Structure formats: C-alpha cells, structure tokens
Amino acid sequence: MARIDFGSPTMATGLRRKPLRSGEAGLTLMELIIVVAMLAILATAAIPVARFQVKRAKERELRRDLWAMRDAIDRYKDVADKGLIQTKADSINYPPDLQTLVDGVEVQTKKMRFLRAIPIDPMTKNADWGMRSNQDDADSDSFGGQNVFDVHSKSTDTALDGTKYNTW
C-alpha cells in the first residue's frame, strides 16, 4: 500500500511550490529605503498641519471664553442699570472684578450668577486675564481697578490672522 503524507499543505492539496530564486525572496533593501523615505516625507508634511490645527482650536477656545466673559459683564451691567444691584458710584454699573461674576450678587432675594467659573486662558494656560476699566485709556495696558469694562488675553503671541492675542 502506498503511504500518503498529509502533513504538508502542498501535498494535501496537490499543489506544488516552485522553488524561490534568490532575487524573489522579499523586498530589497532599496525598496525598503524608498518606502521609509516616502513615509518620512509624509510625516514631515503632516506636522505643520497638525500644529496649525492645534493653534486654530486654541484660538477658537479663546474667542469663546472672551465672548462668555464679555457677555457676563454686559448682563451684570444690564441688571445694575435696572437698579437691581447696588454698585459704587464710580463703577458706572460695571462689576468690580471677574470673581464677582462667578460668586454672584443678590437680586431681589435671589443669588444671580453670571459666570460658572473664570475660564483658563488657552494661550497662557492660567486664569489671569488682562482687564480694562471704563476709566482707563483705550490704549492703556494697565488696569485701573475701578471696574471691569473689558477683558483680554495677556499673551503677546501672534494669531493666525496676524493680530496679537492681547488685542482681541
């Protein structure tokens, strides 16, 4: 009786393998170098795009935070203009500081808050914002302290549109 070997897959299926020649054994060193070089070129092209996207996201967050704080300042002023909040005479009904917007004020036996928390500046990574008082000069970079009329970032970096963040 003839013995059949099923241990080899080529024998079980009836297929025969051609013996490999030395040049057909896989990728050559030159092909590997070309592939690695192409991947390196693609990676170096992707890095600036990723940095651009990160900067754009931070700018979007900065605009949102500035809008939220300015909106809270405006809402405080509206409530104060209606006479529902006691303010100092020289404050022109603007809040004395940003923390007052977070802590809230008493309005007809209710506590009214205008901000949940002072946001973190995405450019400087802290909650220390530049502020302007209504009594300060328009081009002043120091805070007079009488009231909070406007807020801005303390970052001196340049935005994607060419302006400085502290002028936003």
C-alpha atoms as a PDB file:
ATOM      1  CA  MET A   1       0.000   0.000   0.000  1.00  0.00           C
ATOM      2  CA  ALA A   2       1.193   3.475  -0.824  1.00  0.00           C
ATOM      3  CA  ARG A   3       1.602   5.857   2.011  1.00  0.00           C
ATOM      4  CA  ILE A   4       0.185   9.452   1.614  1.00  0.00           C
ATOM      5  CA  ASP A   5       1.697  12.304   3.652  1.00  0.00           C
ATOM      6  CA  PHE A   6      -0.971  14.884   4.619  1.00  0.00           C
ATOM      7  CA  GLY A   7       1.399  16.869   6.836  1.00  0.00           C
ATOM      8  CA  SER A   8       2.489  19.181   4.051  1.00  0.00           C
ATOM      9  CA  PRO A   9      -0.186  21.584   2.721  1.00  0.00           C
ATOM     10  CA  THR A  10       1.168  21.405  -0.801  1.00  0.00           C
ATOM     11  CA  MET A  11       0.941  17.675  -0.821  1.00  0.00           C
ATOM     12  CA  ALA A  12      -2.593  17.610   0.630  1.00  0.00           C
ATOM     13  CA  THR A  13      -3.982  19.967  -1.995  1.00  0.00           C
ATOM     14  CA  GLY A  14      -1.983  18.595  -4.804  1.00  0.00           C
ATOM     15  CA  LEU A  15      -0.248  21.909  -5.498  1.00  0.00           C
ATOM     16  CA  ARG A  16       3.441  22.113  -5.953  1.00  0.00           C
ATOM     17  CA  ARG A  17       5.554  25.059  -4.991  1.00  0.00           C
ATOM     18  CA  LYS A  18       8.133  26.460  -7.273  1.00  0.00           C
ATOM     19  CA  PRO A  19      11.441  26.854  -5.568  1.00  0.00           C
ATOM     20  CA  LEU A  20      12.253  30.553  -4.943  1.00  0.00           C
ATOM     21  CA  ARG A  21      15.163  32.100  -6.661  1.00  0.00           C
ATOM     22  CA  SER A  22      17.459  34.298  -4.620  1.00  0.00           C
ATOM     23  CA  GLY A  23      16.059  37.587  -6.097  1.00  0.00           C
ATOM     24  CA  GLU A  24      12.427  36.721  -5.256  1.00  0.00           C
ATOM     25  CA  ALA A  25      12.819  36.249  -1.501  1.00  0.00           C
ATOM     26  CA  GLY A  26      11.058  39.523  -0.483  1.00  0.00           C
ATOM     27  CA  LEU A  27      11.652  43.278  -0.529  1.00  0.00           C
ATOM     28  CA  THR A  28      15.033  44.518  -1.456  1.00  0.00           C
ATOM     29  CA  LEU A  29      16.944  46.937   0.685  1.00  0.00           C
ATOM     30  CA  MET A  30      16.431  49.639  -1.934  1.00  0.00           C
ATOM     31  CA  GLU A  31      12.644  49.196  -1.844  1.00  0.00           C
ATOM     32  CA  LEU A  32      12.647  49.450   1.962  1.00  0.00           C
ATOM     33  CA  ILE A  33      14.737  52.635   1.847  1.00  0.00           C
ATOM     34  CA  ILE A  34      12.348  54.208  -0.685  1.00  0.00           C
ATOM     35  CA  VAL A  35       9.270  53.320   1.398  1.00  0.00           C
ATOM     36  CA  VAL A  36      10.839  54.681   4.601  1.00  0.00           C
ATOM     37  CA  ALA A  37      11.858  57.891   2.804  1.00  0.00           C
ATOM     38  CA  MET A  38       8.332  58.378   1.462  1.00  0.00           C
ATOM     39  CA  LEU A  39       6.853  57.872   4.932  1.00  0.00           C
ATOM     40  CA  ALA A  40       9.316  60.389   6.387  1.00  0.00           C
ATOM     41  CA  ILE A  41       8.339  62.979   3.753  1.00  0.00           C
ATOM     42  CA  LEU A  42       4.643  62.461   4.506  1.00  0.00           C
ATOM     43  CA  ALA A  43       5.255  62.736   8.259  1.00  0.00           C
ATOM     44  CA  THR A  44       7.197  65.988   7.927  1.00  0.00           C
ATOM     45  CA  ALA A  45       4.398  67.416   5.788  1.00  0.00           C
ATOM     46  CA  ALA A  46       1.779  66.414   8.386  1.00  0.00           C
ATOM     47  CA  ILE A  47       3.492  68.043  11.398  1.00  0.00           C
ATOM     48  CA  PRO A  48       2.870  71.693  10.362  1.00  0.00           C
ATOM     49  CA  VAL A  49      -0.740  70.862   9.515  1.00  0.00           C
ATOM     50  CA  ALA A  50      -1.233  69.338  12.976  1.00  0.00           C
ATOM     51  CA  ARG A  51       0.341  72.384  14.664  1.00  0.00           C
ATOM     52  CA  PHE A  52      -1.894  74.666  12.613  1.00  0.00           C
ATOM     53  CA  GLN A  53      -4.987  72.725  13.719  1.00  0.00           C
ATOM     54  CA  VAL A  54      -3.946  72.901  17.395  1.00  0.00           C
ATOM     55  CA  LYS A  55      -3.397  76.658  17.174  1.00  0.00           C
ATOM     56  CA  ARG A  56      -6.730  77.140  15.420  1.00  0.00           C
ATOM     57  CA  ALA A  57      -8.517  75.166  18.159  1.00  0.00           C
ATOM     58  CA  LYS A  58      -6.870  77.299  20.876  1.00  0.00           C
ATOM     59  CA  GLU A  59      -7.899  80.483  19.072  1.00  0.00           C
ATOM     60  CA  ARG A  60     -11.478  79.218  18.807  1.00  0.00           C
ATOM     61  CA  GLU A  61     -11.463  78.481  22.553  1.00  0.00           C
ATOM     62  CA  LEU A  62     -10.014  81.934  23.318  1.00  0.00           C
ATOM     63  CA  ARG A  63     -12.728  83.653  21.275  1.00  0.00           C
ATOM     64  CA  ARG A  64     -15.427  81.605  23.020  1.00  0.00           C
ATOM     65  CA  ASP A  65     -14.035  82.409  26.502  1.00  0.00           C
ATOM     66  CA  LEU A  66     -13.729  86.126  25.736  1.00  0.00           C
ATOM     67  CA  TRP A  67     -17.276  86.170  24.376  1.00  0.00           C
ATOM     68  CA  ALA A  68     -18.609  84.419  27.508  1.00  0.00           C
ATOM     69  CA  MET A  69     -16.868  86.833  29.886  1.00  0.00           C
ATOM     70  CA  ARG A  70     -17.887  89.906  27.900  1.00  0.00           C
ATOM     71  CA  ASP A  71     -21.466  88.644  27.774  1.00  0.00           C
ATOM     72  CA  ALA A  72     -21.415  88.144  31.577  1.00  0.00           C
ATOM     73  CA  ILE A  73     -20.080  91.694  32.057  1.00  0.00           C
ATOM     74  CA  ASP A  74     -22.855  93.060  29.817  1.00  0.00           C
ATOM     75  CA  ARG A  75     -25.560  91.084  31.654  1.00  0.00           C
ATOM     76  CA  TYR A  76     -24.233  92.370  35.015  1.00  0.00           C
ATOM     77  CA  LYS A  77     -24.338  95.939  33.695  1.00  0.00           C
ATOM     78  CA  ASP A  78     -27.905  95.478  32.399  1.00  0.00           C
ATOM     79  CA  VAL A  79     -29.092  94.237  35.796  1.00  0.00           C
ATOM     80  CA  ALA A  80     -27.234  97.061  37.563  1.00  0.00           C
ATOM     81  CA  ASP A  81     -28.647  99.668  35.153  1.00  0.00           C
ATOM     82  CA  LYS A  82     -32.150  98.484  36.123  1.00  0.00           C
ATOM     83  CA  GLY A  83     -31.279  99.284  39.733  1.00  0.00           C
ATOM     84  CA  LEU A  84     -31.434  95.682  40.935  1.00  0.00           C
ATOM     85  CA  ILE A  85     -27.802  95.689  42.169  1.00  0.00           C
ATOM     86  CA  GLN A  86     -26.159  98.184  44.491  1.00  0.00           C
ATOM     87  CA  THR A  87     -22.921  99.406  42.870  1.00  0.00           C
ATOM     88  CA  LYS A  88     -20.328 102.047  43.685  1.00  0.00           C
ATOM     89  CA  ALA A  89     -20.912 105.446  42.150  1.00  0.00           C
ATOM     90  CA  ASP A  90     -17.635 105.440  40.192  1.00  0.00           C
ATOM     91  CA  SER A  91     -18.144 101.910  38.805  1.00  0.00           C
ATOM     92  CA  ILE A  92     -20.657 103.063  36.169  1.00  0.00           C
ATOM     93  CA  ASN A  93     -22.576  99.821  36.970  1.00  0.00           C
ATOM     94  CA  TYR A  94     -19.788  97.508  35.773  1.00  0.00           C
ATOM     95  CA  PRO A  95     -18.625  94.624  38.008  1.00  0.00           C
ATOM     96  CA  PRO A  96     -15.725  95.328  40.389  1.00  0.00           C
ATOM     97  CA  ASP A  97     -13.859  92.150  39.314  1.00  0.00           C
ATOM     98  CA  LEU A  98     -14.337  88.859  37.463  1.00  0.00           C
ATOM     99  CA  GLN A  99     -14.806  86.895  40.685  1.00  0.00           C
ATOM    100  CA  THR A 100     -17.996  88.866  41.396  1.00  0.00           C
ATOM    101  CA  LEU A 101     -19.441  87.438  38.170  1.00  0.00           C
ATOM    102  CA  VAL A 102     -18.715  83.926  39.454  1.00  0.00           C
ATOM    103  CA  ASP A 103     -19.779  84.452  43.079  1.00  0.00           C
ATOM    104  CA  GLY A 104     -22.946  86.263  42.047  1.00  0.00           C
ATOM    105  CA  VAL A 105     -24.925  89.081  43.618  1.00  0.00           C
ATOM    106  CA  GLU A 106     -28.239  89.302  45.474  1.00  0.00           C
ATOM    107  CA  VAL A 107     -31.081  90.330  43.178  1.00  0.00           C
ATOM    108  CA  GLN A 108     -34.466  90.526  44.922  1.00  0.00           C
ATOM    109  CA  THR A 109     -33.739  87.774  47.484  1.00  0.00           C
ATOM    110  CA  LYS A 110     -32.149  85.519  44.824  1.00  0.00           C
ATOM    111  CA  LYS A 111     -28.479  84.982  44.099  1.00  0.00           C
ATOM    112  CA  MET A 112     -27.737  85.728  40.451  1.00  0.00           C
ATOM    113  CA  ARG A 113     -24.533  84.367  38.941  1.00  0.00           C
ATOM    114  CA  PHE A 114     -23.211  85.493  35.587  1.00  0.00           C
ATOM    115  CA  LEU A 115     -20.315  83.037  35.043  1.00  0.00           C
ATOM    116  CA  ARG A 116     -19.862  79.443  36.216  1.00  0.00           C
ATOM    117  CA  ALA A 117     -16.103  79.900  36.583  1.00  0.00           C
ATOM    118  CA  ILE A 118     -13.370  82.179  35.346  1.00  0.00           C
ATOM    119  CA  PRO A 119     -12.109  80.369  32.244  1.00  0.00           C
ATOM    120  CA  ILE A 120      -8.479  79.395  31.750  1.00  0.00           C
ATOM    121  CA  ASP A 121      -6.781  81.414  29.017  1.00  0.00           C
ATOM    122  CA  PRO A 122      -5.804  78.786  26.400  1.00  0.00           C
ATOM    123  CA  MET A 123      -2.783  80.833  25.338  1.00  0.00           C
ATOM    124  CA  THR A 124      -1.249  81.496  28.766  1.00  0.00           C
ATOM    125  CA  LYS A 125      -2.793  78.427  30.470  1.00  0.00           C
ATOM    126  CA  ASN A 126      -3.906  80.345  33.578  1.00  0.00           C
ATOM    127  CA  ALA A 127      -6.977  82.289  34.697  1.00  0.00           C
ATOM    128  CA  ASP A 128      -5.133  85.602  34.928  1.00  0.00           C
ATOM    129  CA  TRP A 129      -6.803  87.768  32.288  1.00  0.00           C
ATOM    130  CA  GLY A 130      -5.927  91.290  31.263  1.00  0.00           C
ATOM    131  CA  MET A 131      -8.684  93.713  32.231  1.00  0.00           C
ATOM    132  CA  ARG A 132      -9.637  97.235  31.352  1.00  0.00           C
ATOM    133  CA  SER A 133     -11.595  99.645  33.475  1.00  0.00           C
ATOM    134  CA  ASN A 134     -14.043 102.100  31.983  1.00  0.00           C
ATOM    135  CA  GLN A 135     -11.866 104.906  33.348  1.00  0.00           C
ATOM    136  CA  ASP A 136      -8.693 103.553  31.655  1.00  0.00           C
ATOM    137  CA  ASP A 137      -7.447 104.978  28.389  1.00  0.00           C
ATOM    138  CA  ALA A 138      -8.390 102.987  25.295  1.00  0.00           C
ATOM    139  CA  ASP A 139      -4.741 102.113  24.561  1.00  0.00           C
ATOM    140  CA  SER A 140      -3.786 101.525  28.201  1.00  0.00           C
ATOM    141  CA  ASP A 141      -2.215  98.174  29.072  1.00  0.00           C
ATOM    142  CA  SER A 142      -2.551  98.620  32.846  1.00  0.00           C
ATOM    143  CA  PHE A 143      -5.706  98.006  34.859  1.00  0.00           C
ATOM    144  CA  GLY A 144      -7.043 100.952  36.879  1.00  0.00           C
ATOM    145  CA  GLY A 145      -9.085  98.703  39.160  1.00  0.00           C
ATOM    146  CA  GLN A 146     -12.313 100.714  39.439  1.00  0.00           C
ATOM    147  CA  ASN A 147     -14.424  98.216  37.487  1.00  0.00           C
ATOM    148  CA  VAL A 148     -14.158  95.558  34.760  1.00  0.00           C
ATOM    149  CA  PHE A 149     -15.248  97.047  31.464  1.00  0.00           C
ATOM    150  CA  ASP A 150     -13.394  94.616  29.155  1.00  0.00           C
ATOM    151  CA  VAL A 151     -11.124  91.552  29.268  1.00  0.00           C
ATOM    152  CA  HIS A 152      -8.344  90.323  27.014  1.00  0.00           C
ATOM    153  CA  SER A 153      -5.626  87.678  26.926  1.00  0.00           C
ATOM    154  CA  LYS A 154      -2.248  88.537  28.398  1.00  0.00           C
ATOM    155  CA  SER A 155      -0.498  86.561  25.654  1.00  0.00           C
ATOM    156  CA  THR A 156       1.748  88.595  23.374  1.00  0.00           C
ATOM    157  CA  ASP A 157       1.845  85.866  20.706  1.00  0.00           C
ATOM    158  CA  THR A 158       0.582  86.454  17.190  1.00  0.00           C
ATOM    159  CA  ALA A 159      -2.617  84.833  15.918  1.00  0.00           C
ATOM    160  CA  LEU A 160      -3.052  83.099  12.578  1.00  0.00           C
ATOM    161  CA  ASP A 161      -4.621  86.283  11.176  1.00  0.00           C
ATOM    162  CA  GLY A 162      -1.537  88.344  12.138  1.00  0.00           C
ATOM    163  CA  THR A 163      -3.035  90.193  15.119  1.00  0.00           C
ATOM    164  CA  LYS A 164      -1.837  89.935  18.709  1.00  0.00           C
ATOM    165  CA  TYR A 165      -3.978  87.899  21.115  1.00  0.00           C
ATOM    166  CA  ASN A 166      -3.910  90.682  23.697  1.00  0.00           C
ATOM    167  CA  THR A 167      -5.765  92.969  21.259  1.00  0.00           C
ATOM    168  CA  TRP A 168      -8.751  90.643  20.825  1.00  0.00           C
END
